[in-house]
Amino acid sequence: MFYIRPNMAKDLRAEILVQLRTHSGRGTKHSGDAAYLGNAHFSYHISTPVKRSIAKAFVKTRGEISPTEFLRLLDGLFRGKSYDEKAIAAELLGFSPIHRKHVTPRHLDSWLDHLVGWAEVDSLCYSNFTPEEMLSQWKAWKAMLVTFSKDKNVHKRRASLVLLTRAVSHSSDPRLSKIAFENIGRLKSEKDILITKAISWLLRSLIRHHKKEVAAYIETNAASLPKIAIRETRRKLLTGRK
C-alpha cells in the first residue's frame, strides 16, 4: 500500500542529504574530479559503492512510497546542487523497477536539463532502463530518442546514444538497432568528445547481435564517422575485446 504525506518528497530528500553528509569525504564547491567527470558541481567525494549502498538501503526501507512521491523525490535530487545527489537519484531509479514504470519521456527530458558531463548523463541513461521496458512503450521511446538526437543540448544528444547502448547489447530487436544506426548517422559529423565517444560505445555494443551490419556500416561510413569510433569498433570486431 502506497501512502502520501505532506512534503514527503522534500522530507525524503532531506533524509538522503543527511546520509550524504554523514559519509562525506571533503565537500568542496567544485569537485576535484571536475576535469574527469565533465562537471563542476559540488561534490561530497563519496565513492560509487557507498552511494549505491545508501540508495539500496533507502529503497528497501522506503518501498511503500507512492510512484508520484518517488518521482518528486527524483525531481528534487536531479535538481540538487551536488554531483552526488544526481548520481544517487540515478541509483534509486535503478533499484526501483516498480516506480520506473511511471517514468515518462517528460521526466527524462526534465532531468537531463540538470545533468552535465558524461558521468551524470550516463548514470541516468546507461543501465536504468531494460530493453523490455523501452519496447513496451516503444512509440514514446522512439519519439524521445529521435528528439534528443536533434536537441541543442549536447547532453541530450549524448543521451540519445547512451540510452541505447545497454538495450542493443541485451536485445536483438531490430527496432532498437534501427534507431541506434539512425541516431549515429544523425550525429556522426559532430566533434564533441561527448558524442564521438558515445558513438564508438554504441557501435561496439551493437556488435553483439549485429556484427555483420556494424562491419558494413563502418566501411560504408568510414569517411564521415569519428576516427575514434572507427578505430575502437574495428578493434572489437577483430579481437572481440573492448
Protein backbone atom coordinates (compact mmCIF):
# COMPACT_ATOMS: atom_id res chain seq x y z
CA MET A 1 0.00 0.00 0.00
CA PHE A 2 1.41 3.38 -1.03
CA TYR A 3 0.80 6.44 1.08
CA ILE A 4 1.40 10.15 0.75
CA ARG A 5 2.03 12.69 3.45
CA PRO A 6 2.52 16.44 3.06
CA ASN A 7 6.02 17.38 1.79
CA MET A 8 7.02 13.73 1.74
CA ALA A 9 9.42 14.09 -1.19
CA LYS A 10 11.07 17.08 0.48
CA ASP A 11 11.45 15.14 3.72
CA LEU A 12 12.90 12.12 1.93
CA ARG A 13 15.39 14.26 0.05
CA ALA A 14 16.49 15.77 3.37
CA GLU A 15 16.93 12.25 4.71
CA ILE A 16 19.23 11.37 1.80
CA LEU A 17 21.20 14.60 2.23
CA VAL A 18 21.87 13.63 5.84
CA GLN A 19 23.27 10.33 4.59
CA LEU A 20 25.48 12.09 2.05
CA ARG A 21 26.86 14.49 4.66
CA THR A 22 27.47 11.64 7.08
CA HIS A 23 29.54 9.76 4.51
CA SER A 24 31.17 12.87 3.07
CA GLY A 25 34.89 12.89 2.48
CA ARG A 26 35.79 16.51 1.89
CA GLY A 27 32.98 18.56 0.38
CA THR A 28 34.14 21.27 -2.00
CA LYS A 29 32.44 23.90 -4.07
CA HIS A 30 33.84 22.36 -7.22
CA SER A 31 34.58 18.67 -7.50
CA GLY A 32 38.24 17.79 -7.56
CA ASP A 33 37.27 15.35 -10.30
CA ALA A 34 35.69 18.05 -12.46
CA ALA A 35 38.01 17.55 -15.41
CA TYR A 36 37.35 13.80 -15.38
CA LEU A 37 33.61 13.81 -14.68
CA GLY A 38 32.92 16.71 -17.00
CA ASN A 39 31.13 18.94 -14.50
CA ALA A 40 32.00 21.40 -11.76
CA HIS A 41 29.15 20.61 -9.38
CA PHE A 42 29.66 20.50 -5.64
CA SER A 43 30.89 17.09 -4.54
CA TYR A 44 30.74 15.25 -1.23
CA HIS A 45 33.50 12.95 -2.53
CA ILE A 46 31.64 9.75 -1.78
CA SER A 47 32.57 6.57 -3.63
CA THR A 48 30.13 4.94 -6.02
CA PRO A 49 29.80 1.77 -3.88
CA VAL A 50 28.83 3.88 -0.85
CA LYS A 51 26.26 5.87 -2.84
CA ARG A 52 24.91 2.61 -4.19
CA SER A 53 24.57 1.14 -0.71
CA ILE A 54 22.73 4.27 0.50
CA ALA A 55 20.31 4.04 -2.41
CA LYS A 56 19.75 0.31 -1.96
CA ALA A 57 19.05 0.67 1.75
CA PHE A 58 16.71 3.59 1.11
CA VAL A 59 14.64 1.63 -1.42
CA LYS A 60 14.49 -1.35 0.93
CA THR A 61 13.18 0.70 3.86
CA ARG A 62 11.06 3.19 1.89
CA GLY A 63 9.45 0.93 -0.68
CA GLU A 64 5.97 1.94 0.45
CA ILE A 65 6.12 5.44 -1.03
CA SER A 66 3.88 6.15 -3.99
CA PRO A 67 5.21 6.45 -7.55
CA THR A 68 4.19 10.11 -7.51
CA GLU A 69 6.26 10.87 -4.42
CA PHE A 70 9.16 8.79 -5.70
CA LEU A 71 9.29 10.81 -8.92
CA ARG A 72 9.04 14.04 -6.94
CA LEU A 73 12.00 12.86 -4.88
CA LEU A 74 13.99 12.22 -8.04
CA ASP A 75 12.98 15.64 -9.39
CA GLY A 76 14.48 17.24 -6.29
CA LEU A 77 17.65 15.18 -6.35
CA PHE A 78 18.37 15.69 -10.05
CA ARG A 79 17.93 19.42 -9.47
CA GLY A 80 20.25 19.32 -6.46
CA LYS A 81 23.47 21.30 -6.31
CA SER A 82 25.78 18.31 -5.87
CA TYR A 83 27.02 15.63 -8.22
CA ASP A 84 26.27 13.05 -5.53
CA GLU A 85 22.57 13.92 -5.35
CA LYS A 86 22.22 13.43 -9.09
CA ALA A 87 24.19 10.20 -9.01
CA ILE A 88 22.18 8.76 -6.12
CA ALA A 89 18.93 9.69 -7.88
CA ALA A 90 20.06 7.53 -10.79
CA GLU A 91 20.90 4.69 -8.37
CA LEU A 92 17.46 4.94 -6.77
CA LEU A 93 15.89 4.66 -10.21
CA GLY A 94 17.91 1.56 -10.99
CA PHE A 95 16.81 -0.17 -7.77
CA SER A 96 13.11 0.68 -8.28
CA PRO A 97 11.58 -1.23 -11.22
CA ILE A 98 8.03 -0.75 -9.91
CA HIS A 99 8.38 3.02 -9.81
CA ARG A 100 10.44 3.09 -13.00
CA LYS A 101 7.33 2.04 -14.94
CA HIS A 102 5.96 5.51 -14.30
CA VAL A 103 8.92 7.37 -15.80
CA THR A 104 7.93 9.16 -19.00
CA PRO A 105 9.95 10.97 -21.71
CA ARG A 106 8.91 14.19 -19.99
CA HIS A 107 10.71 13.12 -16.82
CA LEU A 108 13.90 12.22 -18.68
CA ASP A 109 13.82 15.44 -20.65
CA SER A 110 13.43 17.45 -17.45
CA TRP A 111 16.13 15.56 -15.54
CA LEU A 112 18.65 15.90 -18.35
CA ASP A 113 18.24 19.69 -18.16
CA HIS A 114 20.16 19.46 -14.87
CA LEU A 115 22.87 16.96 -15.81
CA VAL A 116 26.29 17.98 -17.11
CA GLY A 117 29.12 15.79 -18.37
CA TRP A 118 29.38 12.13 -19.25
CA ALA A 119 29.30 10.84 -15.65
CA GLU A 120 25.96 12.43 -14.76
CA VAL A 121 24.32 11.68 -18.11
CA ASP A 122 25.49 8.08 -18.16
CA SER A 123 24.48 7.43 -14.54
CA LEU A 124 20.89 8.13 -15.59
CA CYS A 125 20.91 6.75 -19.13
CA TYR A 126 23.15 3.70 -19.34
CA SER A 127 21.75 0.86 -17.24
CA ASN A 128 18.49 2.02 -15.69
CA PHE A 129 16.09 1.01 -18.48
CA THR A 130 15.80 -2.53 -19.82
CA PRO A 131 15.06 -3.30 -23.47
CA GLU A 132 11.73 -4.75 -22.38
CA GLU A 133 10.78 -1.52 -20.63
CA MET A 134 11.69 0.52 -23.68
CA LEU A 135 9.93 -1.73 -26.16
CA SER A 136 6.76 -1.94 -24.07
CA GLN A 137 6.29 1.80 -24.74
CA TRP A 138 8.20 1.94 -27.99
CA LYS A 139 6.24 4.69 -29.71
CA ALA A 140 7.04 7.14 -26.89
CA TRP A 141 10.63 5.94 -26.52
CA LYS A 142 11.35 6.16 -30.24
CA ALA A 143 10.00 9.69 -30.43
CA MET A 144 12.07 10.72 -27.40
CA LEU A 145 15.28 9.19 -28.75
CA VAL A 146 14.88 10.98 -32.08
CA THR A 147 14.04 14.26 -30.37
CA PHE A 148 17.06 14.01 -28.07
CA SER A 149 19.35 13.35 -31.04
CA LYS A 150 18.28 16.69 -32.53
CA ASP A 151 18.36 18.72 -29.31
CA LYS A 152 20.63 21.76 -28.99
CA ASN A 153 21.76 20.43 -25.60
CA VAL A 154 24.77 18.19 -26.22
CA HIS A 155 23.98 16.18 -23.09
CA LYS A 156 20.60 15.20 -24.52
CA ARG A 157 22.26 14.29 -27.81
CA ARG A 158 24.63 12.05 -25.87
CA ALA A 159 21.65 10.57 -24.04
CA SER A 160 20.08 9.61 -27.39
CA LEU A 161 23.05 7.28 -27.88
CA VAL A 162 23.80 6.10 -24.35
CA LEU A 163 20.17 5.12 -23.66
CA LEU A 164 20.53 2.55 -26.43
CA THR A 165 23.92 1.04 -25.55
CA ARG A 166 22.71 -1.48 -22.99
CA ALA A 167 19.49 -2.13 -24.89
CA VAL A 168 21.15 -3.17 -28.17
CA SER A 169 23.65 -5.31 -26.28
CA HIS A 170 20.91 -7.21 -24.46
CA SER A 171 18.31 -7.41 -27.22
CA SER A 172 18.43 -8.22 -30.92
CA ASP A 173 15.13 -6.46 -31.58
CA PRO A 174 15.51 -4.62 -34.92
CA ARG A 175 13.58 -1.61 -33.65
CA LEU A 176 16.41 -0.84 -31.26
CA SER A 177 19.22 -1.35 -33.76
CA LYS A 178 17.41 0.67 -36.42
CA ILE A 179 17.07 3.77 -34.24
CA ALA A 180 20.64 3.26 -33.00
CA PHE A 181 22.06 3.43 -36.53
CA GLU A 182 19.78 6.35 -37.36
CA ASN A 183 20.95 8.38 -34.36
CA ILE A 184 24.58 7.56 -35.09
CA GLY A 185 24.06 8.75 -38.65
CA ARG A 186 22.49 11.96 -37.42
CA LEU A 187 25.37 12.73 -35.03
CA LYS A 188 28.44 11.23 -36.71
CA SER A 189 29.75 14.57 -38.00
CA GLU A 190 29.98 16.10 -34.51
CA LYS A 191 33.42 16.67 -32.96
CA ASP A 192 32.50 16.97 -29.27
CA ILE A 193 34.06 14.08 -27.34
CA LEU A 194 30.75 13.54 -25.53
CA ILE A 195 29.33 12.47 -28.89
CA THR A 196 32.32 10.81 -30.57
CA LYS A 197 32.95 8.50 -27.60
CA ALA A 198 29.25 7.67 -27.28
CA ILE A 199 29.07 6.75 -30.98
CA SER A 200 32.02 4.42 -30.51
CA TRP A 201 30.40 2.88 -27.44
CA LEU A 202 27.08 2.32 -29.20
CA LEU A 203 28.67 0.80 -32.30
CA ARG A 204 30.68 -1.61 -30.14
CA SER A 205 27.52 -2.52 -28.21
CA LEU A 206 25.72 -3.29 -31.48
CA ILE A 207 28.34 -5.89 -32.38
CA ARG A 208 26.90 -8.49 -30.04
CA HIS A 209 23.74 -9.01 -32.12
CA HIS A 210 24.52 -7.14 -35.34
CA LYS A 211 28.17 -7.84 -36.10
CA LYS A 212 27.87 -8.02 -39.89
CA GLU A 213 25.72 -4.90 -40.01
CA VAL A 214 28.22 -2.96 -37.89
CA ALA A 215 31.15 -4.09 -40.04
CA ALA A 216 29.35 -2.99 -43.18
CA TYR A 217 28.32 0.31 -41.61
CA ILE A 218 31.90 1.09 -40.57
CA GLU A 219 33.21 0.51 -44.09
CA THR A 220 30.42 2.45 -45.79
CA ASN A 221 30.74 5.43 -43.45
CA ALA A 222 34.48 5.42 -42.80
CA ALA A 223 34.92 8.88 -44.26
CA SER A 224 32.32 10.50 -42.00
CA LEU A 225 32.42 8.62 -38.70
CA PRO A 226 34.63 9.85 -35.83
CA LYS A 227 38.09 8.33 -36.13
CA ILE A 228 37.95 7.04 -32.57
CA ALA A 229 34.72 5.20 -33.36
CA ILE A 230 36.22 3.56 -36.42
CA ARG A 231 39.39 2.58 -34.59
CA GLU A 232 37.71 1.17 -31.47
CA THR A 233 34.93 -0.59 -33.36
CA ARG A 234 37.33 -2.23 -35.81
CA ARG A 235 39.44 -3.43 -32.90
CA LYS A 236 36.44 -5.02 -31.22
CA LEU A 237 35.29 -6.59 -34.48
CA LEU A 238 38.74 -8.10 -34.87
CA THR A 239 39.54 -9.13 -31.29
CA GLY A 240 36.19 -9.26 -29.53
CA ARG A 241 37.63 -7.05 -26.82
CA LYS A 242 36.74 -3.51 -25.86
